[in-house]
Amino acid sequence: MTRNASSIARLGLAGSIALLLSGPAVAATRPDQPVQAWPAMQDRPVGVLLEQAQSLPNSDMTVEDQPYCAANTEIHATLQNDFGETRVEATRDDDAVLWGSEQMGTWTLVAPRSDDSSCIIASGIGFRAGRDIEVYYRTAGLD
Protein backbone atom coordinates (compact mmCIF):
# COMPACT_ATOMS: atom_id res chain seq x y z
CA MET A 1 0.00 0.00 0.00
CA THR A 2 1.46 3.40 -0.88
CA ARG A 3 2.16 5.93 1.85
CA ASN A 4 -0.71 8.22 0.75
CA ALA A 5 -3.17 5.35 0.48
CA SER A 6 -2.06 4.12 3.89
CA SER A 7 -2.58 7.59 5.39
CA ILE A 8 -6.02 7.86 3.81
CA ALA A 9 -6.94 4.39 5.07
CA ARG A 10 -5.81 5.26 8.61
CA LEU A 11 -7.74 8.53 8.54
CA GLY A 12 -10.82 6.70 7.28
CA LEU A 13 -10.47 4.08 10.01
CA ALA A 14 -10.12 6.73 12.70
CA GLY A 15 -13.14 8.60 11.32
CA SER A 16 -15.18 5.41 11.22
CA ILE A 17 -14.29 4.59 14.81
CA ALA A 18 -15.20 8.11 15.91
CA LEU A 19 -18.50 7.94 14.01
CA LEU A 20 -19.39 4.53 15.40
CA LEU A 21 -18.61 5.61 18.94
CA SER A 22 -20.27 9.02 18.76
CA GLY A 23 -23.82 7.64 18.63
CA PRO A 24 -23.40 5.31 21.63
CA ALA A 25 -21.45 8.01 23.49
CA VAL A 26 -24.37 10.42 23.35
CA ALA A 27 -26.72 7.73 24.60
CA ALA A 28 -24.21 6.67 27.26
CA THR A 29 -24.45 9.93 29.18
CA ARG A 30 -27.58 8.64 30.92
CA PRO A 31 -26.83 7.78 34.56
CA ASP A 32 -28.67 4.46 34.21
CA GLN A 33 -26.80 3.41 31.04
CA PRO A 34 -25.70 -0.22 31.38
CA VAL A 35 -22.05 -1.03 30.79
CA GLN A 36 -21.56 -2.48 27.31
CA ALA A 37 -18.35 -3.54 25.54
CA TRP A 38 -17.08 -4.33 22.06
CA PRO A 39 -13.78 -6.02 21.26
CA ALA A 40 -11.49 -4.27 18.78
CA MET A 41 -11.99 -7.21 16.43
CA GLN A 42 -15.37 -8.88 16.21
CA ASP A 43 -13.99 -12.39 15.75
CA ARG A 44 -11.43 -12.32 18.60
CA PRO A 45 -12.05 -12.20 22.34
CA VAL A 46 -10.44 -9.31 24.22
CA GLY A 47 -8.22 -11.73 26.17
CA VAL A 48 -6.73 -13.02 22.92
CA LEU A 49 -6.20 -9.46 21.68
CA LEU A 50 -4.42 -8.60 24.93
CA GLU A 51 -2.09 -11.58 24.44
CA GLN A 52 -1.43 -10.72 20.78
CA ALA A 53 -0.93 -6.97 21.32
CA GLN A 54 2.83 -7.23 21.89
CA SER A 55 3.42 -8.80 18.47
CA LEU A 56 1.06 -6.69 16.33
CA PRO A 57 2.56 -4.06 13.99
CA ASN A 58 1.57 -0.44 14.32
CA SER A 59 -1.58 0.22 12.32
CA ASP A 60 0.20 2.36 9.73
CA MET A 61 2.33 -0.68 8.82
CA THR A 62 -0.30 -3.42 8.62
CA VAL A 63 -2.08 -4.86 5.64
CA GLU A 64 -4.49 -6.98 7.69
CA ASP A 65 -7.40 -6.25 9.97
CA GLN A 66 -6.17 -5.74 13.53
CA PRO A 67 -6.76 -3.57 16.59
CA TYR A 68 -5.62 0.04 16.32
CA CYS A 69 -1.96 0.16 17.45
CA ALA A 70 0.16 3.32 17.51
CA ALA A 71 2.61 5.34 19.58
CA ASN A 72 1.42 6.01 23.13
CA THR A 73 1.36 9.74 22.45
CA GLU A 74 -1.04 9.21 19.52
CA ILE A 75 -3.30 6.78 21.41
CA HIS A 76 -3.42 9.01 24.50
CA ALA A 77 -4.06 12.19 22.49
CA THR A 78 -6.91 10.52 20.58
CA LEU A 79 -8.58 9.23 23.74
CA GLN A 80 -8.18 12.57 25.53
CA ASN A 81 -9.01 14.95 22.67
CA ASP A 82 -11.62 13.01 20.71
CA PHE A 83 -13.43 11.21 23.54
CA GLY A 84 -12.55 13.23 26.67
CA GLU A 85 -11.19 10.07 28.28
CA THR A 86 -8.52 9.99 30.98
CA ARG A 87 -6.56 7.09 32.35
CA VAL A 88 -8.28 5.40 35.28
CA GLU A 89 -5.64 4.46 37.82
CA ALA A 90 -5.94 0.85 38.89
CA THR A 91 -3.77 -2.10 39.74
CA ARG A 92 -4.50 -5.34 37.90
CA ASP A 93 -2.61 -8.53 37.18
CA ASP A 94 -2.98 -8.16 33.42
CA ASP A 95 -1.60 -5.32 31.36
CA ALA A 96 -4.85 -3.75 30.14
CA VAL A 97 -5.27 -0.10 31.09
CA LEU A 98 -8.71 1.47 31.46
CA TRP A 99 -9.49 4.95 30.12
CA GLY A 100 -12.89 6.54 30.68
CA SER A 101 -14.96 9.68 30.25
CA GLU A 102 -17.85 10.43 32.54
CA GLN A 103 -18.84 13.33 30.28
CA MET A 104 -19.11 11.13 27.17
CA GLY A 105 -19.91 7.89 29.01
CA THR A 106 -17.29 6.02 26.98
CA TRP A 107 -14.44 3.78 28.07
CA THR A 108 -11.53 2.08 26.35
CA LEU A 109 -9.17 -0.76 27.24
CA VAL A 110 -5.63 -0.20 26.04
CA ALA A 111 -2.82 -2.78 25.93
CA PRO A 112 0.52 -1.01 26.48
CA ARG A 113 3.53 -2.48 24.72
CA SER A 114 7.21 -2.50 25.57
CA ASP A 115 8.16 -0.14 22.71
CA ASP A 116 6.22 2.97 23.91
CA SER A 117 3.22 2.09 21.81
CA SER A 118 -0.20 0.62 22.64
CA CYS A 119 -3.15 -1.17 21.06
CA ILE A 120 -6.82 -0.45 21.67
CA ILE A 121 -8.31 -3.85 22.45
CA ALA A 122 -11.87 -2.95 23.53
CA SER A 123 -14.22 -0.03 23.97
CA GLY A 124 -17.61 0.52 25.43
CA ILE A 125 -20.27 2.75 26.90
CA GLY A 126 -21.73 3.16 30.36
CA PHE A 127 -18.67 4.66 32.06
CA ARG A 128 -19.30 6.33 35.39
CA ALA A 129 -16.61 7.57 37.79
CA GLY A 130 -16.80 5.76 41.12
CA ARG A 131 -18.13 2.52 39.63
CA ASP A 132 -16.07 -0.57 40.45
CA ILE A 133 -13.58 -0.73 37.57
CA GLU A 134 -13.74 -4.51 37.49
CA VAL A 135 -17.17 -4.11 35.83
CA TYR A 136 -15.49 -2.76 32.68
CA TYR A 137 -12.87 -5.50 32.55
CA ARG A 138 -15.45 -8.24 33.15
CA THR A 139 -17.85 -6.79 30.58
CA ALA A 140 -15.02 -6.80 28.04
CA GLY A 141 -14.26 -10.44 28.87
CA LEU A 142 -11.18 -10.01 31.08
CA ASP A 143 -12.02 -11.73 34.36
C-alpha atoms as a PDB file:
ATOM      1  CA  MET A   1       0.000   0.000   0.000  1.00  0.00           C
ATOM      2  CA  THR A   2       1.460   3.395  -0.881  1.00  0.00           C
ATOM      3  CA  ARG A   3       2.160   5.928   1.854  1.00  0.00           C
ATOM      4  CA  ASN A   4      -0.714   8.218   0.749  1.00  0.00           C
ATOM      5  CA  ALA A   5      -3.169   5.353   0.480  1.00  0.00           C
ATOM      6  CA  SER A   6      -2.060   4.118   3.892  1.00  0.00           C
ATOM      7  CA  SER A   7      -2.585   7.593   5.388  1.00  0.00           C
ATOM      8  CA  ILE A   8      -6.018   7.864   3.809  1.00  0.00           C
ATOM      9  CA  ALA A   9      -6.938   4.391   5.066  1.00  0.00           C
ATOM     10  CA  ARG A  10      -5.813   5.258   8.613  1.00  0.00           C
ATOM     11  CA  LEU A  11      -7.742   8.529   8.539  1.00  0.00           C
ATOM     12  CA  GLY A  12     -10.824   6.700   7.277  1.00  0.00           C
ATOM     13  CA  LEU A  13     -10.472   4.081  10.007  1.00  0.00           C
ATOM     14  CA  ALA A  14     -10.120   6.734  12.701  1.00  0.00           C
ATOM     15  CA  GLY A  15     -13.140   8.601  11.322  1.00  0.00           C
ATOM     16  CA  SER A  16     -15.178   5.405  11.215  1.00  0.00           C
ATOM     17  CA  ILE A  17     -14.292   4.591  14.809  1.00  0.00           C
ATOM     18  CA  ALA A  18     -15.205   8.108  15.912  1.00  0.00           C
ATOM     19  CA  LEU A  19     -18.496   7.941  14.011  1.00  0.00           C
ATOM     20  CA  LEU A  20     -19.391   4.533  15.405  1.00  0.00           C
ATOM     21  CA  LEU A  21     -18.608   5.608  18.935  1.00  0.00           C
ATOM     22  CA  SER A  22     -20.268   9.016  18.759  1.00  0.00           C
ATOM     23  CA  GLY A  23     -23.822   7.636  18.633  1.00  0.00           C
ATOM     24  CA  PRO A  24     -23.397   5.314  21.629  1.00  0.00           C
ATOM     25  CA  ALA A  25     -21.446   8.013  23.490  1.00  0.00           C
ATOM     26  CA  VAL A  26     -24.374  10.415  23.346  1.00  0.00           C
ATOM     27  CA  ALA A  27     -26.723   7.725  24.605  1.00  0.00           C
ATOM     28  CA  ALA A  28     -24.214   6.665  27.263  1.00  0.00           C
ATOM     29  CA  THR A  29     -24.450   9.928  29.179  1.00  0.00           C
ATOM     30  CA  ARG A  30     -27.585   8.645  30.922  1.00  0.00           C
ATOM     31  CA  PRO A  31     -26.831   7.781  34.559  1.00  0.00           C
ATOM     32  CA  ASP A  32     -28.672   4.463  34.208  1.00  0.00           C
ATOM     33  CA  GLN A  33     -26.801   3.413  31.038  1.00  0.00           C
ATOM     34  CA  PRO A  34     -25.703  -0.224  31.377  1.00  0.00           C
ATOM     35  CA  VAL A  35     -22.054  -1.028  30.792  1.00  0.00           C
ATOM     36  CA  GLN A  36     -21.562  -2.476  27.315  1.00  0.00           C
ATOM     37  CA  ALA A  37     -18.349  -3.540  25.540  1.00  0.00           C
ATOM     38  CA  TRP A  38     -17.080  -4.327  22.060  1.00  0.00           C
ATOM     39  CA  PRO A  39     -13.776  -6.024  21.261  1.00  0.00           C
ATOM     40  CA  ALA A  40     -11.487  -4.270  18.784  1.00  0.00           C
ATOM     41  CA  MET A  41     -11.990  -7.214  16.426  1.00  0.00           C
ATOM     42  CA  GLN A  42     -15.371  -8.878  16.209  1.00  0.00           C
ATOM     43  CA  ASP A  43     -13.992 -12.393  15.749  1.00  0.00           C
ATOM     44  CA  ARG A  44     -11.430 -12.323  18.603  1.00  0.00           C
ATOM     45  CA  PRO A  45     -12.047 -12.201  22.337  1.00  0.00           C
ATOM     46  CA  VAL A  46     -10.442  -9.313  24.224  1.00  0.00           C
ATOM     47  CA  GLY A  47      -8.221 -11.734  26.173  1.00  0.00           C
ATOM     48  CA  VAL A  48      -6.732 -13.024  22.917  1.00  0.00           C
ATOM     49  CA  LEU A  49      -6.201  -9.464  21.680  1.00  0.00           C
ATOM     50  CA  LEU A  50      -4.420  -8.602  24.933  1.00  0.00           C
ATOM     51  CA  GLU A  51      -2.086 -11.582  24.443  1.00  0.00           C
ATOM     52  CA  GLN A  52      -1.426 -10.721  20.779  1.00  0.00           C
ATOM     53  CA  ALA A  53      -0.925  -6.974  21.315  1.00  0.00           C
ATOM     54  CA  GLN A  54       2.833  -7.231  21.887  1.00  0.00           C
ATOM     55  CA  SER A  55       3.421  -8.796  18.466  1.00  0.00           C
ATOM     56  CA  LEU A  56       1.062  -6.686  16.328  1.00  0.00           C
ATOM     57  CA  PRO A  57       2.555  -4.064  13.988  1.00  0.00           C
ATOM     58  CA  ASN A  58       1.567  -0.435  14.318  1.00  0.00           C
ATOM     59  CA  SER A  59      -1.580   0.215  12.324  1.00  0.00           C
ATOM     60  CA  ASP A  60       0.200   2.360   9.731  1.00  0.00           C
ATOM     61  CA  MET A  61       2.327  -0.680   8.822  1.00  0.00           C
ATOM     62  CA  THR A  62      -0.299  -3.417   8.616  1.00  0.00           C
ATOM     63  CA  VAL A  63      -2.085  -4.862   5.638  1.00  0.00           C
ATOM     64  CA  GLU A  64      -4.491  -6.978   7.690  1.00  0.00           C
ATOM     65  CA  ASP A  65      -7.399  -6.251   9.971  1.00  0.00           C
ATOM     66  CA  GLN A  66      -6.169  -5.745  13.526  1.00  0.00           C
ATOM     67  CA  PRO A  67      -6.757  -3.566  16.589  1.00  0.00           C
ATOM     68  CA  TYR A  68      -5.617   0.042  16.316  1.00  0.00           C
ATOM     69  CA  CYS A  69      -1.963   0.163  17.448  1.00  0.00           C
ATOM     70  CA  ALA A  70       0.159   3.323  17.513  1.00  0.00           C
ATOM     71  CA  ALA A  71       2.610   5.340  19.582  1.00  0.00           C
ATOM     72  CA  ASN A  72       1.419   6.011  23.128  1.00  0.00           C
ATOM     73  CA  THR A  73       1.356   9.740  22.449  1.00  0.00           C
ATOM     74  CA  GLU A  74      -1.038   9.208  19.520  1.00  0.00           C
ATOM     75  CA  ILE A  75      -3.302   6.782  21.410  1.00  0.00           C
ATOM     76  CA  HIS A  76      -3.422   9.012  24.501  1.00  0.00           C
ATOM     77  CA  ALA A  77      -4.059  12.187  22.486  1.00  0.00           C
ATOM     78  CA  THR A  78      -6.909  10.519  20.578  1.00  0.00           C
ATOM     79  CA  LEU A  79      -8.579   9.227  23.738  1.00  0.00           C
ATOM     80  CA  GLN A  80      -8.178  12.569  25.525  1.00  0.00           C
ATOM     81  CA  ASN A  81      -9.006  14.946  22.674  1.00  0.00           C
ATOM     82  CA  ASP A  82     -11.620  13.006  20.712  1.00  0.00           C
ATOM     83  CA  PHE A  83     -13.427  11.214  23.541  1.00  0.00           C
ATOM     84  CA  GLY A  84     -12.552  13.228  26.670  1.00  0.00           C
ATOM     85  CA  GLU A  85     -11.186  10.065  28.280  1.00  0.00           C
ATOM     86  CA  THR A  86      -8.523   9.993  30.977  1.00  0.00           C
ATOM     87  CA  ARG A  87      -6.558   7.095  32.350  1.00  0.00           C
ATOM     88  CA  VAL A  88      -8.284   5.403  35.277  1.00  0.00           C
ATOM     89  CA  GLU A  89      -5.643   4.463  37.815  1.00  0.00           C
ATOM     90  CA  ALA A  90      -5.943   0.847  38.887  1.00  0.00           C
ATOM     91  CA  THR A  91      -3.772  -2.101  39.743  1.00  0.00           C
ATOM     92  CA  ARG A  92      -4.499  -5.336  37.905  1.00  0.00           C
ATOM     93  CA  ASP A  93      -2.611  -8.526  37.181  1.00  0.00           C
ATOM     94  CA  ASP A  94      -2.984  -8.159  33.422  1.00  0.00           C
ATOM     95  CA  ASP A  95      -1.595  -5.317  31.358  1.00  0.00           C
ATOM     96  CA  ALA A  96      -4.851  -3.752  30.142  1.00  0.00           C
ATOM     97  CA  VAL A  97      -5.273  -0.100  31.086  1.00  0.00           C
ATOM     98  CA  LEU A  98      -8.711   1.472  31.465  1.00  0.00           C
ATOM     99  CA  TRP A  99      -9.487   4.947  30.117  1.00  0.00           C
ATOM    100  CA  GLY A 100     -12.892   6.540  30.683  1.00  0.00           C
ATOM    101  CA  SER A 101     -14.963   9.679  30.248  1.00  0.00           C
ATOM    102  CA  GLU A 102     -17.852  10.428  32.535  1.00  0.00           C
ATOM    103  CA  GLN A 103     -18.838  13.326  30.278  1.00  0.00           C
ATOM    104  CA  MET A 104     -19.107  11.126  27.165  1.00  0.00           C
ATOM    105  CA  GLY A 105     -19.915   7.895  29.013  1.00  0.00           C
ATOM    106  CA  THR A 106     -17.293   6.023  26.981  1.00  0.00           C
ATOM    107  CA  TRP A 107     -14.440   3.783  28.071  1.00  0.00           C
ATOM    108  CA  THR A 108     -11.526   2.082  26.349  1.00  0.00           C
ATOM    109  CA  LEU A 109      -9.167  -0.759  27.237  1.00  0.00           C
ATOM    110  CA  VAL A 110      -5.625  -0.199  26.036  1.00  0.00           C
ATOM    111  CA  ALA A 111      -2.821  -2.783  25.927  1.00  0.00           C
ATOM    112  CA  PRO A 112       0.516  -1.014  26.485  1.00  0.00           C
ATOM    113  CA  ARG A 113       3.528  -2.482  24.720  1.00  0.00           C
ATOM    114  CA  SER A 114       7.212  -2.504  25.569  1.00  0.00           C
ATOM    115  CA  ASP A 115       8.157  -0.135  22.708  1.00  0.00           C
ATOM    116  CA  ASP A 116       6.222   2.973  23.912  1.00  0.00           C
ATOM    117  CA  SER A 117       3.217   2.087  21.810  1.00  0.00           C
ATOM    118  CA  SER A 118      -0.204   0.615  22.644  1.00  0.00           C
ATOM    119  CA  CYS A 119      -3.148  -1.168  21.060  1.00  0.00           C
ATOM    120  CA  ILE A 120      -6.818  -0.448  21.670  1.00  0.00           C
ATOM    121  CA  ILE A 121      -8.311  -3.848  22.449  1.00  0.00           C
ATOM    122  CA  ALA A 122     -11.869  -2.954  23.525  1.00  0.00           C
ATOM    123  CA  SER A 123     -14.215  -0.027  23.973  1.00  0.00           C
ATOM    124  CA  GLY A 124     -17.608   0.523  25.433  1.00  0.00           C
ATOM    125  CA  ILE A 125     -20.269   2.750  26.903  1.00  0.00           C
ATOM    126  CA  GLY A 126     -21.734   3.164  30.359  1.00  0.00           C
ATOM    127  CA  PHE A 127     -18.673   4.656  32.065  1.00  0.00           C
ATOM    128  CA  ARG A 128     -19.305   6.330  35.387  1.00  0.00           C
ATOM    129  CA  ALA A 129     -16.613   7.571  37.791  1.00  0.00           C
ATOM    130  CA  GLY A 130     -16.798   5.764  41.115  1.00  0.00           C
ATOM    131  CA  ARG A 131     -18.134   2.521  39.633  1.00  0.00           C
ATOM    132  CA  ASP A 132     -16.071  -0.568  40.445  1.00  0.00           C
ATOM    133  CA  ILE A 133     -13.578  -0.728  37.572  1.00  0.00           C
ATOM    134  CA  GLU A 134     -13.743  -4.510  37.486  1.00  0.00           C
ATOM    135  CA  VAL A 135     -17.171  -4.107  35.831  1.00  0.00           C
ATOM    136  CA  TYR A 136     -15.493  -2.755  32.675  1.00  0.00           C
ATOM    137  CA  TYR A 137     -12.869  -5.504  32.549  1.00  0.00           C
ATOM    138  CA  ARG A 138     -15.451  -8.244  33.151  1.00  0.00           C
ATOM    139  CA  THR A 139     -17.848  -6.789  30.582  1.00  0.00           C
ATOM    140  CA  ALA A 140     -15.015  -6.799  28.035  1.00  0.00           C
ATOM    141  CA  GLY A 141     -14.262 -10.440  28.868  1.00  0.00           C
ATOM    142  CA  LEU A 142     -11.185 -10.014  31.081  1.00  0.00           C
ATOM    143  CA  ASP A 143     -12.015 -11.733  34.356  1.00  0.00           C
END
